[in-house]
Amino acid sequence: MAGLAPDEDGLATVEEWGIGSFPNISDRGPIWGAFGVFGQPAAIVVTADGNVLGHMGALDKAGFQDLMDRARAA
């Protein structure tokens, strides 16, 4: 899990992917565990109502869209 890697690895990823414009969580495990994530890749969606949906494994564009559609319907 990226959150368990050395800080330099996470910072390098933020720079490489250009994702420094929004908050990134440095988690050593508790947050991942609270959402039932035990490895990567994983995707978690928290809706405005506080519902949580997750997917363990890789997602392509259609899979991510399906996860988002299910989150909206929850």
N, C-alpha and C. Protein backbone atom coordinates (compact mmCIF):
# COMPACT_ATOMS: atom_id res chain seq x y z
N MET A 1 0.84 -1.17 0.00
CA MET A 1 0.00 0.00 0.00
C MET A 1 0.88 1.23 0.00
N ALA A 2 0.49 2.19 -0.78
CA ALA A 2 1.27 3.42 -0.86
C ALA A 2 1.42 4.08 0.50
N GLY A 3 0.40 4.00 1.32
CA GLY A 3 0.46 4.61 2.64
C GLY A 3 1.47 3.98 3.56
N LEU A 4 1.92 2.78 3.23
CA LEU A 4 2.91 2.09 4.05
C LEU A 4 4.31 2.21 3.48
N ALA A 5 4.44 2.84 2.32
CA ALA A 5 5.75 3.03 1.68
C ALA A 5 6.47 4.21 2.35
N PRO A 6 7.77 4.30 2.11
CA PRO A 6 8.50 5.47 2.64
C PRO A 6 7.90 6.78 2.13
N ASP A 7 7.96 7.83 2.94
CA ASP A 7 7.38 9.12 2.57
C ASP A 7 7.89 9.61 1.22
N GLU A 8 9.16 9.36 0.92
CA GLU A 8 9.73 9.82 -0.35
C GLU A 8 8.98 9.23 -1.54
N ASP A 9 8.55 7.96 -1.41
CA ASP A 9 7.81 7.32 -2.50
C ASP A 9 6.48 8.02 -2.74
N GLY A 10 5.78 8.33 -1.65
CA GLY A 10 4.50 9.02 -1.78
C GLY A 10 4.65 10.40 -2.38
N LEU A 11 5.67 11.13 -1.92
CA LEU A 11 5.91 12.47 -2.45
C LEU A 11 6.26 12.42 -3.93
N ALA A 12 7.03 11.41 -4.32
CA ALA A 12 7.39 11.26 -5.73
C ALA A 12 6.15 10.98 -6.58
N THR A 13 5.23 10.17 -6.06
CA THR A 13 4.00 9.87 -6.79
C THR A 13 3.13 11.11 -6.93
N VAL A 14 3.01 11.90 -5.87
CA VAL A 14 2.23 13.14 -5.93
C VAL A 14 2.79 14.05 -7.03
N GLU A 15 4.10 14.16 -7.07
CA GLU A 15 4.75 15.00 -8.09
C GLU A 15 4.54 14.42 -9.49
N GLU A 16 4.78 13.12 -9.65
CA GLU A 16 4.68 12.47 -10.96
C GLU A 16 3.26 12.56 -11.52
N TRP A 17 2.27 12.34 -10.68
CA TRP A 17 0.88 12.30 -11.12
C TRP A 17 0.22 13.67 -11.11
N GLY A 18 0.90 14.68 -10.57
CA GLY A 18 0.33 16.03 -10.54
C GLY A 18 -0.91 16.14 -9.66
N ILE A 19 -0.90 15.44 -8.52
CA ILE A 19 -2.09 15.43 -7.65
C ILE A 19 -1.86 16.20 -6.36
N GLY A 20 -1.00 17.20 -6.40
CA GLY A 20 -0.71 17.97 -5.20
C GLY A 20 -1.71 19.07 -4.91
N SER A 21 -2.70 19.26 -5.77
CA SER A 21 -3.64 20.37 -5.59
C SER A 21 -4.81 20.02 -4.67
N PHE A 22 -4.89 18.79 -4.19
CA PHE A 22 -5.94 18.43 -3.23
C PHE A 22 -5.31 17.62 -2.10
N PRO A 23 -5.99 17.53 -0.95
CA PRO A 23 -5.40 16.84 0.20
C PRO A 23 -5.11 15.38 -0.10
N ASN A 24 -3.93 14.94 0.25
CA ASN A 24 -3.54 13.55 0.16
C ASN A 24 -3.26 13.07 1.58
N ILE A 25 -3.80 11.92 1.94
CA ILE A 25 -3.66 11.40 3.29
C ILE A 25 -2.44 10.49 3.37
N SER A 26 -1.59 10.74 4.34
CA SER A 26 -0.48 9.84 4.64
C SER A 26 -0.97 8.90 5.73
N ASP A 27 -1.38 7.72 5.34
CA ASP A 27 -1.97 6.76 6.27
C ASP A 27 -1.05 5.58 6.46
N ARG A 28 -0.78 5.23 7.68
CA ARG A 28 0.07 4.08 8.00
C ARG A 28 -0.75 2.82 8.25
N GLY A 29 -2.04 2.87 7.93
CA GLY A 29 -2.87 1.68 8.05
C GLY A 29 -4.24 1.85 8.67
N PRO A 30 -4.41 2.70 9.70
CA PRO A 30 -5.72 2.78 10.36
C PRO A 30 -6.86 3.23 9.45
N ILE A 31 -6.63 4.20 8.59
CA ILE A 31 -7.70 4.67 7.72
C ILE A 31 -8.04 3.60 6.69
N TRP A 32 -7.00 3.02 6.08
CA TRP A 32 -7.25 1.93 5.13
C TRP A 32 -8.07 0.83 5.80
N GLY A 33 -7.66 0.43 7.01
CA GLY A 33 -8.34 -0.64 7.72
C GLY A 33 -9.78 -0.31 8.04
N ALA A 34 -10.06 0.94 8.38
CA ALA A 34 -11.43 1.34 8.70
C ALA A 34 -12.37 1.15 7.51
N PHE A 35 -11.83 1.24 6.31
CA PHE A 35 -12.63 1.05 5.11
C PHE A 35 -12.53 -0.38 4.57
N GLY A 36 -11.86 -1.26 5.29
CA GLY A 36 -11.75 -2.65 4.87
C GLY A 36 -10.75 -2.89 3.76
N VAL A 37 -9.89 -1.93 3.49
CA VAL A 37 -8.88 -2.08 2.44
C VAL A 37 -7.69 -2.84 3.01
N PHE A 38 -7.34 -3.94 2.36
CA PHE A 38 -6.21 -4.74 2.82
C PHE A 38 -5.07 -4.77 1.82
N GLY A 39 -5.21 -4.09 0.71
CA GLY A 39 -4.15 -4.03 -0.29
C GLY A 39 -4.56 -3.13 -1.44
N GLN A 40 -3.65 -2.96 -2.36
CA GLN A 40 -3.89 -2.12 -3.52
C GLN A 40 -3.85 -2.98 -4.78
N PRO A 41 -4.59 -2.64 -5.80
CA PRO A 41 -5.42 -1.46 -5.93
C PRO A 41 -6.76 -1.61 -5.20
N ALA A 42 -7.30 -0.49 -4.79
CA ALA A 42 -8.60 -0.43 -4.14
C ALA A 42 -9.21 0.93 -4.41
N ALA A 43 -10.52 0.99 -4.42
CA ALA A 43 -11.22 2.26 -4.59
C ALA A 43 -12.34 2.34 -3.56
N ILE A 44 -12.42 3.46 -2.88
CA ILE A 44 -13.46 3.70 -1.88
C ILE A 44 -14.17 5.00 -2.25
N VAL A 45 -15.50 4.97 -2.23
CA VAL A 45 -16.29 6.16 -2.49
C VAL A 45 -17.11 6.46 -1.24
N VAL A 46 -17.01 7.67 -0.74
CA VAL A 46 -17.83 8.13 0.37
C VAL A 46 -18.78 9.18 -0.19
N THR A 47 -20.07 8.89 -0.10
CA THR A 47 -21.07 9.81 -0.67
C THR A 47 -21.32 10.98 0.27
N ALA A 48 -22.02 11.98 -0.22
CA ALA A 48 -22.37 13.15 0.58
C ALA A 48 -23.21 12.76 1.79
N ASP A 49 -23.95 11.65 1.69
CA ASP A 49 -24.78 11.17 2.79
C ASP A 49 -24.00 10.29 3.77
N GLY A 50 -22.73 10.05 3.46
CA GLY A 50 -21.90 9.23 4.34
C GLY A 50 -21.90 7.75 4.03
N ASN A 51 -22.58 7.34 2.96
CA ASN A 51 -22.52 5.94 2.55
C ASN A 51 -21.14 5.64 2.01
N VAL A 52 -20.67 4.43 2.25
CA VAL A 52 -19.35 4.02 1.80
C VAL A 52 -19.49 2.79 0.92
N LEU A 53 -18.93 2.87 -0.28
CA LEU A 53 -18.87 1.73 -1.18
C LEU A 53 -17.42 1.52 -1.57
N GLY A 54 -17.04 0.27 -1.69
CA GLY A 54 -15.66 0.01 -2.04
C GLY A 54 -15.52 -1.09 -3.07
N HIS A 55 -14.36 -1.13 -3.66
CA HIS A 55 -14.02 -2.16 -4.64
C HIS A 55 -12.56 -2.53 -4.44
N MET A 56 -12.30 -3.80 -4.21
CA MET A 56 -10.92 -4.29 -4.12
C MET A 56 -10.52 -4.81 -5.49
N GLY A 57 -9.45 -4.31 -6.02
CA GLY A 57 -8.96 -4.73 -7.33
C GLY A 57 -8.92 -3.56 -8.29
N ALA A 58 -8.37 -3.83 -9.45
CA ALA A 58 -8.24 -2.79 -10.47
C ALA A 58 -9.60 -2.45 -11.07
N LEU A 59 -9.74 -1.21 -11.49
CA LEU A 59 -10.94 -0.75 -12.18
C LEU A 59 -10.55 -0.08 -13.48
N ASP A 60 -11.23 -0.47 -14.55
CA ASP A 60 -11.07 0.28 -15.79
C ASP A 60 -12.12 1.40 -15.77
N LYS A 61 -12.22 2.14 -16.85
CA LYS A 61 -13.15 3.27 -16.90
C LYS A 61 -14.59 2.82 -16.64
N ALA A 62 -15.00 1.73 -17.27
CA ALA A 62 -16.37 1.24 -17.09
C ALA A 62 -16.61 0.77 -15.66
N GLY A 63 -15.61 0.12 -15.07
CA GLY A 63 -15.74 -0.34 -13.69
C GLY A 63 -15.84 0.81 -12.72
N PHE A 64 -15.04 1.86 -12.94
CA PHE A 64 -15.11 3.03 -12.08
C PHE A 64 -16.45 3.73 -12.23
N GLN A 65 -16.95 3.81 -13.47
CA GLN A 65 -18.26 4.43 -13.70
C GLN A 65 -19.34 3.64 -12.98
N ASP A 66 -19.25 2.30 -13.02
CA ASP A 66 -20.22 1.46 -12.32
C ASP A 66 -20.18 1.71 -10.81
N LEU A 67 -18.98 1.82 -10.25
CA LEU A 67 -18.85 2.11 -8.82
C LEU A 67 -19.49 3.46 -8.49
N MET A 68 -19.25 4.45 -9.31
CA MET A 68 -19.85 5.77 -9.08
C MET A 68 -21.37 5.72 -9.21
N ASP A 69 -21.87 4.99 -10.19
CA ASP A 69 -23.32 4.86 -10.37
C ASP A 69 -23.95 4.19 -9.15
N ARG A 70 -23.29 3.14 -8.63
CA ARG A 70 -23.80 2.46 -7.43
C ARG A 70 -23.76 3.39 -6.22
N ALA A 71 -22.73 4.22 -6.13
CA ALA A 71 -22.63 5.16 -5.02
C ALA A 71 -23.76 6.19 -5.09
N ARG A 72 -24.05 6.66 -6.28
CA ARG A 72 -25.13 7.64 -6.43
C ARG A 72 -26.49 7.05 -6.08
N ALA A 73 -26.66 5.75 -6.35
CA ALA A 73 -27.94 5.08 -6.10
C ALA A 73 -28.09 4.64 -4.64
N ALA A 74 -26.99 4.63 -3.90
CA ALA A 74 -27.03 4.14 -2.50
C ALA A 74 -27.77 5.09 -1.59
